[in-house]
Amino acid sequence: MADNPTGTQPVKSAARALDILEDLAAHGPASLHVLAKRMGLPKSSLHALLRTMQGRGWIETDPTGTVYSLGIHALLVGSAYLDGDLVVARTAPLLDELARATGETVHLARLEGSHVVYTAKRESVHPLRMFSAVGRRLPVYSTALGRAILAQMEDEQARSMLPPVLEPVTQYTTTDPERVIGLLAEVRRDGYALEHEESCLGLACIAVALPFTQPGRYAISISVPLVRLDEEAQKNIVEQLLAARQSLEQPFSRKS
């Protein structure tokens, strides 16, 4: 269940409907029994909510009517969000140029709680490449994107963004909170974040935070299979990312 940053009393039925959407987004299709167990809700009340959401297009079922998944309205709302995101619009030409200059997978992501969420992507030109999708969510501590963003904060604030337990994404993920905080000093020194196989086996990722907010909430990254990441390739990618960030260091504000 998501936190309530406004401090207001949530409407229970609305909160449960949102919890259902978030659960299905995080874990994929599920039966009524699995959803009820995962969410700690009685099957009868959960079934009524699911039927209502299905009628509005937020939830769909398989041909048997027993397995629930996100409906088309979830896609429509997600697409509308991306269409209205000024950062996605402003960085689009830059992502295109980074993809052209490096031939590798490029991501734009934003901080969301203790995760980073991909909000834009450019595919690699190579057959061997990263498989990911806009909307994918990864722990902030396991990614170069997340570390680039956290490095814009003071250590105590960055520490507060980490979950109580740092679960490994791969066997190479750094799961010691103090080690993660220590790595942020290296990011501040170098101007970019680098991780090897901590969020995806066989891949390295290099990222820089973007200057749209203080502290930062957005970052761009380039992901490369380790077999293509020699010293020269890494140097080129770092130079491209630092130049991209510099080109964006202009006044930027979201219209109210």
C-alpha atoms as a PDB file:
ATOM      1  CA  MET A   1       0.000   0.000   0.000  1.00  0.00           C
ATOM      2  CA  ALA A   2       1.311   3.459  -0.906  1.00  0.00           C
ATOM      3  CA  ASP A   3       2.152   6.093   1.673  1.00  0.00           C
ATOM      4  CA  ASN A   4      -0.243   8.991   2.247  1.00  0.00           C
ATOM      5  CA  PRO A   5       1.966  12.094   1.908  1.00  0.00           C
ATOM      6  CA  THR A   6      -0.921  14.563   2.347  1.00  0.00           C
ATOM      7  CA  GLY A   7      -1.738  13.381   5.858  1.00  0.00           C
ATOM      8  CA  THR A   8      -5.471  13.368   5.056  1.00  0.00           C
ATOM      9  CA  GLN A   9      -7.802  10.488   5.890  1.00  0.00           C
ATOM     10  CA  PRO A  10      -8.050   8.275   2.787  1.00  0.00           C
ATOM     11  CA  VAL A  11     -11.377   7.075   1.404  1.00  0.00           C
ATOM     12  CA  LYS A  12     -11.212   3.341   2.063  1.00  0.00           C
ATOM     13  CA  SER A  13     -12.867   2.128  -1.138  1.00  0.00           C
ATOM     14  CA  ALA A  14     -10.773   4.448  -3.308  1.00  0.00           C
ATOM     15  CA  ALA A  15      -7.597   3.397  -1.491  1.00  0.00           C
ATOM     16  CA  ARG A  16      -8.424  -0.288  -2.005  1.00  0.00           C
ATOM     17  CA  ALA A  17      -9.085   0.235  -5.712  1.00  0.00           C
ATOM     18  CA  LEU A  18      -5.705   1.925  -6.077  1.00  0.00           C
ATOM     19  CA  ASP A  19      -4.064  -0.852  -4.071  1.00  0.00           C
ATOM     20  CA  ILE A  20      -5.495  -3.379  -6.538  1.00  0.00           C
ATOM     21  CA  LEU A  21      -4.069  -1.470  -9.507  1.00  0.00           C
ATOM     22  CA  GLU A  22      -0.676  -1.148  -7.843  1.00  0.00           C
ATOM     23  CA  ASP A  23      -0.627  -4.841  -6.918  1.00  0.00           C
ATOM     24  CA  LEU A  24      -1.458  -5.986 -10.446  1.00  0.00           C
ATOM     25  CA  ALA A  25       1.095  -3.554 -11.889  1.00  0.00           C
ATOM     26  CA  ALA A  26       3.794  -4.890  -9.568  1.00  0.00           C
ATOM     27  CA  HIS A  27       3.019  -8.613  -9.657  1.00  0.00           C
ATOM     28  CA  GLY A  28       1.031  -9.248 -12.826  1.00  0.00           C
ATOM     29  CA  PRO A  29      -2.256 -11.157 -13.319  1.00  0.00           C
ATOM     30  CA  ALA A  30      -3.663 -12.955 -10.301  1.00  0.00           C
ATOM     31  CA  SER A  31      -6.716 -14.906  -9.184  1.00  0.00           C
ATOM     32  CA  LEU A  32      -9.225 -13.638  -6.640  1.00  0.00           C
ATOM     33  CA  HIS A  33      -7.759 -16.000  -4.045  1.00  0.00           C
ATOM     34  CA  VAL A  34      -4.200 -14.774  -4.587  1.00  0.00           C
ATOM     35  CA  LEU A  35      -5.228 -11.105  -4.577  1.00  0.00           C
ATOM     36  CA  ALA A  36      -7.258 -11.518  -1.403  1.00  0.00           C
ATOM     37  CA  LYS A  37      -4.374 -13.235   0.350  1.00  0.00           C
ATOM     38  CA  ARG A  38      -1.808 -10.712  -0.848  1.00  0.00           C
ATOM     39  CA  MET A  39      -3.916  -7.703   0.095  1.00  0.00           C
ATOM     40  CA  GLY A  40      -5.441  -9.072   3.273  1.00  0.00           C
ATOM     41  CA  LEU A  41      -9.023  -8.436   2.143  1.00  0.00           C
ATOM     42  CA  PRO A  42     -12.172 -10.591   2.351  1.00  0.00           C
ATOM     43  CA  LYS A  43     -12.939 -12.244  -0.982  1.00  0.00           C
ATOM     44  CA  SER A  44     -16.510 -10.921  -1.017  1.00  0.00           C
ATOM     45  CA  SER A  45     -15.583  -7.238  -0.745  1.00  0.00           C
ATOM     46  CA  LEU A  46     -12.597  -7.651  -3.074  1.00  0.00           C
ATOM     47  CA  HIS A  47     -14.755  -9.382  -5.688  1.00  0.00           C
ATOM     48  CA  ALA A  48     -17.237  -6.490  -5.636  1.00  0.00           C
ATOM     49  CA  LEU A  49     -14.423  -3.998  -6.180  1.00  0.00           C
ATOM     50  CA  LEU A  50     -12.969  -6.047  -9.024  1.00  0.00           C
ATOM     51  CA  ARG A  51     -16.344  -6.284 -10.757  1.00  0.00           C
ATOM     52  CA  THR A  52     -16.808  -2.510 -10.517  1.00  0.00           C
ATOM     53  CA  MET A  53     -13.324  -1.832 -11.862  1.00  0.00           C
ATOM     54  CA  GLN A  54     -13.846  -4.374 -14.628  1.00  0.00           C
ATOM     55  CA  GLY A  55     -17.019  -2.589 -15.677  1.00  0.00           C
ATOM     56  CA  ARG A  56     -15.056   0.667 -15.997  1.00  0.00           C
ATOM     57  CA  GLY A  57     -12.238  -0.916 -18.003  1.00  0.00           C
ATOM     58  CA  TRP A  58      -9.562  -0.726 -15.307  1.00  0.00           C
ATOM     59  CA  ILE A  59      -9.485  -4.498 -14.801  1.00  0.00           C
ATOM     60  CA  GLU A  60      -9.799  -7.358 -17.291  1.00  0.00           C
ATOM     61  CA  THR A  61     -10.198 -11.118 -16.838  1.00  0.00           C
ATOM     62  CA  ASP A  62      -8.973 -14.109 -18.786  1.00  0.00           C
ATOM     63  CA  PRO A  63     -11.475 -16.273 -20.750  1.00  0.00           C
ATOM     64  CA  THR A  64     -12.266 -18.277 -17.609  1.00  0.00           C
ATOM     65  CA  GLY A  65     -13.178 -15.104 -15.679  1.00  0.00           C
ATOM     66  CA  THR A  66     -10.978 -16.158 -12.766  1.00  0.00           C
ATOM     67  CA  VAL A  67      -7.672 -14.369 -13.399  1.00  0.00           C
ATOM     68  CA  TYR A  68      -7.542 -10.583 -13.173  1.00  0.00           C
ATOM     69  CA  SER A  69      -5.139  -8.204 -14.906  1.00  0.00           C
ATOM     70  CA  LEU A  70      -4.866  -4.499 -15.688  1.00  0.00           C
ATOM     71  CA  GLY A  71      -7.367  -3.191 -18.235  1.00  0.00           C
ATOM     72  CA  ILE A  72      -7.012  -0.841 -21.173  1.00  0.00           C
ATOM     73  CA  HIS A  73      -7.852   2.235 -19.090  1.00  0.00           C
ATOM     74  CA  ALA A  74      -4.622   1.763 -17.146  1.00  0.00           C
ATOM     75  CA  LEU A  75      -2.737   2.114 -20.424  1.00  0.00           C
ATOM     76  CA  LEU A  76      -4.765   5.160 -21.473  1.00  0.00           C
ATOM     77  CA  VAL A  77      -4.074   6.970 -18.217  1.00  0.00           C
ATOM     78  CA  GLY A  78      -0.397   6.015 -18.273  1.00  0.00           C
ATOM     79  CA  SER A  79      -0.046   7.276 -21.834  1.00  0.00           C
ATOM     80  CA  ALA A  80      -1.780  10.519 -20.913  1.00  0.00           C
ATOM     81  CA  TYR A  81       0.681  11.016 -18.066  1.00  0.00           C
ATOM     82  CA  LEU A  82       3.657  10.594 -20.392  1.00  0.00           C
ATOM     83  CA  ASP A  83       2.093  12.927 -22.967  1.00  0.00           C
ATOM     84  CA  GLY A  84       1.859  15.626 -20.297  1.00  0.00           C
ATOM     85  CA  ASP A  85       5.289  15.098 -18.731  1.00  0.00           C
ATOM     86  CA  LEU A  86       7.374  18.147 -19.673  1.00  0.00           C
ATOM     87  CA  VAL A  87      10.623  16.387 -18.788  1.00  0.00           C
ATOM     88  CA  VAL A  88       9.838  13.558 -21.225  1.00  0.00           C
ATOM     89  CA  ALA A  89       9.098  16.128 -23.929  1.00  0.00           C
ATOM     90  CA  ARG A  90      12.162  18.254 -23.261  1.00  0.00           C
ATOM     91  CA  THR A  91      14.598  15.358 -23.149  1.00  0.00           C
ATOM     92  CA  ALA A  92      13.236  13.512 -26.207  1.00  0.00           C
ATOM     93  CA  PRO A  93      15.700  15.023 -28.728  1.00  0.00           C
ATOM     94  CA  LEU A  94      18.543  14.423 -26.298  1.00  0.00           C
ATOM     95  CA  LEU A  95      17.640  10.746 -25.842  1.00  0.00           C
ATOM     96  CA  ASP A  96      17.504  10.407 -29.624  1.00  0.00           C
ATOM     97  CA  GLU A  97      20.976  11.903 -29.949  1.00  0.00           C
ATOM     98  CA  LEU A  98      22.456   9.734 -27.188  1.00  0.00           C
ATOM     99  CA  ALA A  99      21.029   6.613 -28.832  1.00  0.00           C
ATOM    100  CA  ARG A 100      22.422   7.682 -32.210  1.00  0.00           C
ATOM    101  CA  ALA A 101      25.868   8.551 -30.823  1.00  0.00           C
ATOM    102  CA  THR A 102      26.332   5.382 -28.765  1.00  0.00           C
ATOM    103  CA  GLY A 103      24.078   2.788 -30.394  1.00  0.00           C
ATOM    104  CA  GLU A 104      23.100   1.605 -26.909  1.00  0.00           C
ATOM    105  CA  THR A 105      19.910   1.527 -24.821  1.00  0.00           C
ATOM    106  CA  VAL A 106      19.023   4.904 -23.305  1.00  0.00           C
ATOM    107  CA  HIS A 107      16.586   5.455 -20.429  1.00  0.00           C
ATOM    108  CA  LEU A 108      15.014   8.446 -18.747  1.00  0.00           C
ATOM    109  CA  ALA A 109      13.765   7.721 -15.234  1.00  0.00           C
ATOM    110  CA  ARG A 110      12.339   9.556 -12.249  1.00  0.00           C
ATOM    111  CA  LEU A 111      12.466   8.895  -8.546  1.00  0.00           C
ATOM    112  CA  GLU A 112       9.276   7.475  -7.058  1.00  0.00           C
ATOM    113  CA  GLY A 113       9.606   6.608  -3.389  1.00  0.00           C
ATOM    114  CA  SER A 114      12.383   4.053  -3.009  1.00  0.00           C
ATOM    115  CA  HIS A 115      12.305   3.137  -6.713  1.00  0.00           C
ATOM    116  CA  VAL A 116      13.157   4.626 -10.070  1.00  0.00           C
ATOM    117  CA  VAL A 117      10.589   4.351 -12.860  1.00  0.00           C
ATOM    118  CA  TYR A 118      11.456   4.393 -16.566  1.00  0.00           C
ATOM    119  CA  THR A 119       9.510   7.188 -18.273  1.00  0.00           C
ATOM    120  CA  ALA A 120      11.180   7.036 -21.704  1.00  0.00           C
ATOM    121  CA  LYS A 121      13.440   4.654 -23.616  1.00  0.00           C
ATOM    122  CA  ARG A 122      15.455   4.463 -26.818  1.00  0.00           C
ATOM    123  CA  GLU A 123      16.401   1.012 -28.084  1.00  0.00           C
ATOM    124  CA  SER A 124      19.918  -0.165 -28.856  1.00  0.00           C
ATOM    125  CA  VAL A 125      20.745  -0.873 -32.490  1.00  0.00           C
ATOM    126  CA  HIS A 126      22.469  -4.131 -31.511  1.00  0.00           C
ATOM    127  CA  PRO A 127      20.806  -7.572 -31.393  1.00  0.00           C
ATOM    128  CA  LEU A 128      22.384  -8.120 -27.948  1.00  0.00           C
ATOM    129  CA  ARG A 129      20.731  -5.440 -25.813  1.00  0.00           C
ATOM    130  CA  MET A 130      18.760  -4.720 -22.671  1.00  0.00           C
ATOM    131  CA  PHE A 131      15.108  -5.721 -22.555  1.00  0.00           C
ATOM    132  CA  SER A 132      13.056  -3.229 -20.562  1.00  0.00           C
ATOM    133  CA  ALA A 133       9.936  -1.119 -20.887  1.00  0.00           C
ATOM    134  CA  VAL A 134       8.584   2.300 -19.992  1.00  0.00           C
ATOM    135  CA  GLY A 135       6.878   1.972 -16.621  1.00  0.00           C
ATOM    136  CA  ARG A 136       9.309  -0.607 -15.260  1.00  0.00           C
ATOM    137  CA  ARG A 137      10.251   0.045 -11.651  1.00  0.00           C
ATOM    138  CA  LEU A 138      13.569  -0.843 -10.025  1.00  0.00           C
ATOM    139  CA  PRO A 139      14.960  -0.309  -6.518  1.00  0.00           C
ATOM    140  CA  VAL A 140      16.781   3.005  -6.245  1.00  0.00           C
ATOM    141  CA  TYR A 141      19.825   1.410  -4.609  1.00  0.00           C
ATOM    142  CA  SER A 142      20.456  -1.186  -7.332  1.00  0.00           C
ATOM    143  CA  THR A 143      20.642   1.150 -10.322  1.00  0.00           C
ATOM    144  CA  ALA A 144      23.023   3.774 -11.627  1.00  0.00           C
ATOM    145  CA  LEU A 145      19.950   5.920 -12.286  1.00  0.00           C
ATOM    146  CA  GLY A 146      18.927   5.745  -8.641  1.00  0.00           C
ATOM    147  CA  ARG A 147      22.400   6.415  -7.314  1.00  0.00           C
ATOM    148  CA  ALA A 148      22.829   9.411  -9.623  1.00  0.00           C
ATOM    149  CA  ILE A 149      19.639  10.877  -8.176  1.00  0.00           C
ATOM    150  CA  LEU A 150      20.463  10.019  -4.549  1.00  0.00           C
ATOM    151  CA  ALA A 151      23.893  11.629  -4.905  1.00  0.00           C
ATOM    152  CA  GLN A 152      22.161  15.004  -5.343  1.00  0.00           C
ATOM    153  CA  MET A 153      20.933  14.727  -1.740  1.00  0.00           C
ATOM    154  CA  GLU A 154      22.654  14.967   1.612  1.00  0.00           C
ATOM    155  CA  ASP A 155      23.552  11.532   2.980  1.00  0.00           C
ATOM    156  CA  GLU A 156      20.813  11.529   5.621  1.00  0.00           C
ATOM    157  CA  GLN A 157      18.120  12.359   3.093  1.00  0.00           C
ATOM    158  CA  ALA A 158      19.477   9.730   0.702  1.00  0.00           C
ATOM    159  CA  ARG A 159      19.503   7.181   3.525  1.00  0.00           C
ATOM    160  CA  SER A 160      15.846   7.950   4.240  1.00  0.00           C
ATOM    161  CA  MET A 161      14.989   6.997   0.642  1.00  0.00           C
ATOM    162  CA  LEU A 162      16.280   3.451   1.108  1.00  0.00           C
ATOM    163  CA  PRO A 163      13.873   0.685   2.169  1.00  0.00           C
ATOM    164  CA  PRO A 164      14.364  -0.991   5.568  1.00  0.00           C
ATOM    165  CA  VAL A 165      15.793  -4.088   3.848  1.00  0.00           C
ATOM    166  CA  LEU A 166      17.765  -3.902   0.589  1.00  0.00           C
ATOM    167  CA  GLU A 167      16.698  -7.008  -1.287  1.00  0.00           C
ATOM    168  CA  PRO A 168      19.124  -8.213  -3.998  1.00  0.00           C
ATOM    169  CA  VAL A 169      17.991  -7.875  -7.608  1.00  0.00           C
ATOM    170  CA  THR A 170      20.921 -10.022  -8.748  1.00  0.00           C
ATOM    171  CA  GLN A 171      23.714 -11.736  -6.849  1.00  0.00           C
ATOM    172  CA  TYR A 172      25.846  -8.636  -7.463  1.00  0.00           C
ATOM    173  CA  THR A 173      23.459  -6.069  -5.958  1.00  0.00           C
ATOM    174  CA  THR A 174      24.886  -3.975  -3.135  1.00  0.00           C
ATOM    175  CA  THR A 175      22.580  -4.641  -0.176  1.00  0.00           C
ATOM    176  CA  ASP A 176      24.524  -2.878   2.604  1.00  0.00           C
ATOM    177  CA  PRO A 177      22.882   0.553   3.138  1.00  0.00           C
ATOM    178  CA  GLU A 178      26.117   2.148   4.320  1.00  0.00           C
ATOM    179  CA  ARG A 179      27.965   0.831   1.281  1.00  0.00           C
ATOM    180  CA  VAL A 180      25.296   2.406  -0.942  1.00  0.00           C
ATOM    181  CA  ILE A 181      25.704   5.727   0.869  1.00  0.00           C
ATOM    182  CA  GLY A 182      29.474   5.413   0.465  1.00  0.00           C
ATOM    183  CA  LEU A 183      29.081   4.922  -3.273  1.00  0.00           C
ATOM    184  CA  LEU A 184      27.255   8.254  -3.509  1.00  0.00           C
ATOM    185  CA  ALA A 185      30.473  10.065  -2.604  1.00  0.00           C
ATOM    186  CA  GLU A 186      32.076   8.498  -5.675  1.00  0.00           C
ATOM    187  CA  VAL A 187      29.154   9.668  -7.826  1.00  0.00           C
ATOM    188  CA  ARG A 188      29.555  13.237  -6.535  1.00  0.00           C
ATOM    189  CA  ARG A 189      33.291  13.099  -7.215  1.00  0.00           C
ATOM    190  CA  ASP A 190      33.027  11.666 -10.728  1.00  0.00           C
ATOM    191  CA  GLY A 191      29.814  13.386 -11.833  1.00  0.00           C
ATOM    192  CA  TYR A 192      28.187  10.118 -12.922  1.00  0.00           C
ATOM    193  CA  ALA A 193      27.060   6.773 -11.460  1.00  0.00           C
ATOM    194  CA  LEU A 194      28.203   3.354 -12.672  1.00  0.00           C
ATOM    195  CA  GLU A 195      26.980  -0.131 -11.789  1.00  0.00           C
ATOM    196  CA  HIS A 196      27.852  -3.565 -13.132  1.00  0.00           C
ATOM    197  CA  GLU A 197      25.228  -6.340 -13.136  1.00  0.00           C
ATOM    198  CA  GLU A 198      23.478  -5.049 -10.001  1.00  0.00           C
ATOM    199  CA  SER A 199      20.086  -4.653 -11.666  1.00  0.00           C
ATOM    200  CA  CYS A 200      20.478  -6.908 -14.720  1.00  0.00           C
ATOM    201  CA  LEU A 201      22.953  -9.722 -15.304  1.00  0.00           C
ATOM    202  CA  GLY A 202      25.442  -9.136 -18.093  1.00  0.00           C
ATOM    203  CA  LEU A 203      24.813  -5.402 -18.238  1.00  0.00           C
ATOM    204  CA  ALA A 204      26.521  -2.274 -17.001  1.00  0.00           C
ATOM    205  CA  CYS A 205      24.721   1.041 -16.621  1.00  0.00           C
ATOM    206  CA  ILE A 206      26.111   4.588 -16.519  1.00  0.00           C
ATOM    207  CA  ALA A 207      23.851   7.479 -15.448  1.00  0.00           C
ATOM    208  CA  VAL A 208      23.773  11.189 -14.680  1.00  0.00           C
ATOM    209  CA  ALA A 209      21.170  13.177 -12.766  1.00  0.00           C
ATOM    210  CA  LEU A 210      19.305  15.912 -14.612  1.00  0.00           C
ATOM    211  CA  PRO A 211      19.096  19.502 -13.341  1.00  0.00           C
ATOM    212  CA  PHE A 212      15.337  19.971 -13.443  1.00  0.00           C
ATOM    213  CA  THR A 213      14.682  19.886  -9.693  1.00  0.00           C
ATOM    214  CA  GLN A 214      16.688  20.363  -6.502  1.00  0.00           C
ATOM    215  CA  PRO A 215      17.373  17.830  -5.200  1.00  0.00           C
ATOM    216  CA  GLY A 216      17.181  15.886  -8.444  1.00  0.00           C
ATOM    217  CA  ARG A 217      14.350  13.510  -9.299  1.00  0.00           C
ATOM    218  CA  TYR A 218      15.287  12.645 -12.881  1.00  0.00           C
ATOM    219  CA  ALA A 219      18.255  10.893 -14.466  1.00  0.00           C
ATOM    220  CA  ILE A 220      19.289   9.498 -17.833  1.00  0.00           C
ATOM    221  CA  SER A 221      21.318   6.356 -18.358  1.00  0.00           C
ATOM    222  CA  ILE A 222      22.978   4.262 -21.014  1.00  0.00           C
ATOM    223  CA  SER A 223      22.971   0.477 -20.570  1.00  0.00           C
ATOM    224  CA  VAL A 224      25.605  -1.668 -22.252  1.00  0.00           C
ATOM    225  CA  PRO A 225      26.311  -5.412 -22.321  1.00  0.00           C
ATOM    226  CA  LEU A 226      29.629  -6.012 -20.573  1.00  0.00           C
ATOM    227  CA  VAL A 227      31.019  -7.672 -23.705  1.00  0.00           C
ATOM    228  CA  ARG A 228      30.871  -4.264 -25.453  1.00  0.00           C
ATOM    229  CA  LEU A 229      32.004  -2.083 -22.557  1.00  0.00           C
ATOM    230  CA  ASP A 230      35.741  -1.630 -22.921  1.00  0.00           C
ATOM    231  CA  GLU A 231      37.620   1.385 -21.555  1.00  0.00           C
ATOM    232  CA  GLU A 232      37.183   3.415 -24.728  1.00  0.00           C
ATOM    233  CA  ALA A 233      33.438   2.719 -24.935  1.00  0.00           C
ATOM    234  CA  GLN A 234      32.946   3.683 -21.284  1.00  0.00           C
ATOM    235  CA  LYS A 235      34.871   6.920 -21.750  1.00  0.00           C
ATOM    236  CA  ASN A 236      32.740   7.824 -24.766  1.00  0.00           C
ATOM    237  CA  ILE A 237      29.489   7.106 -22.927  1.00  0.00           C
ATOM    238  CA  VAL A 238      30.533   9.156 -19.895  1.00  0.00           C
ATOM    239  CA  GLU A 239      31.481  12.089 -22.133  1.00  0.00           C
ATOM    240  CA  GLN A 240      28.169  11.880 -23.992  1.00  0.00           C
ATOM    241  CA  LEU A 241      26.152  11.820 -20.761  1.00  0.00           C
ATOM    242  CA  LEU A 242      28.046  14.697 -19.139  1.00  0.00           C
ATOM    243  CA  ALA A 243      27.625  16.795 -22.284  1.00  0.00           C
ATOM    244  CA  ALA A 244      23.917  15.943 -22.357  1.00  0.00           C
ATOM    245  CA  ARG A 245      23.464  17.078 -18.767  1.00  0.00           C
ATOM    246  CA  GLN A 246      25.362  20.296 -19.432  1.00  0.00           C
ATOM    247  CA  SER A 247      23.124  21.060 -22.409  1.00  0.00           C
ATOM    248  CA  LEU A 248      20.087  20.844 -20.107  1.00  0.00           C
ATOM    249  CA  GLU A 249      21.427  23.196 -17.449  1.00  0.00           C
ATOM    250  CA  GLN A 250      18.987  25.923 -18.436  1.00  0.00           C
ATOM    251  CA  PRO A 251      16.100  27.341 -16.367  1.00  0.00           C
ATOM    252  CA  PHE A 252      13.272  24.807 -16.331  1.00  0.00           C
ATOM    253  CA  SER A 253       9.933  24.952 -14.578  1.00  0.00           C
ATOM    254  CA  ARG A 254       6.620  23.159 -14.871  1.00  0.00           C
ATOM    255  CA  LYS A 255       3.742  25.432 -15.739  1.00  0.00           C
ATOM    256  CA  SER A 256       1.174  25.609 -12.981  1.00  0.00           C
END
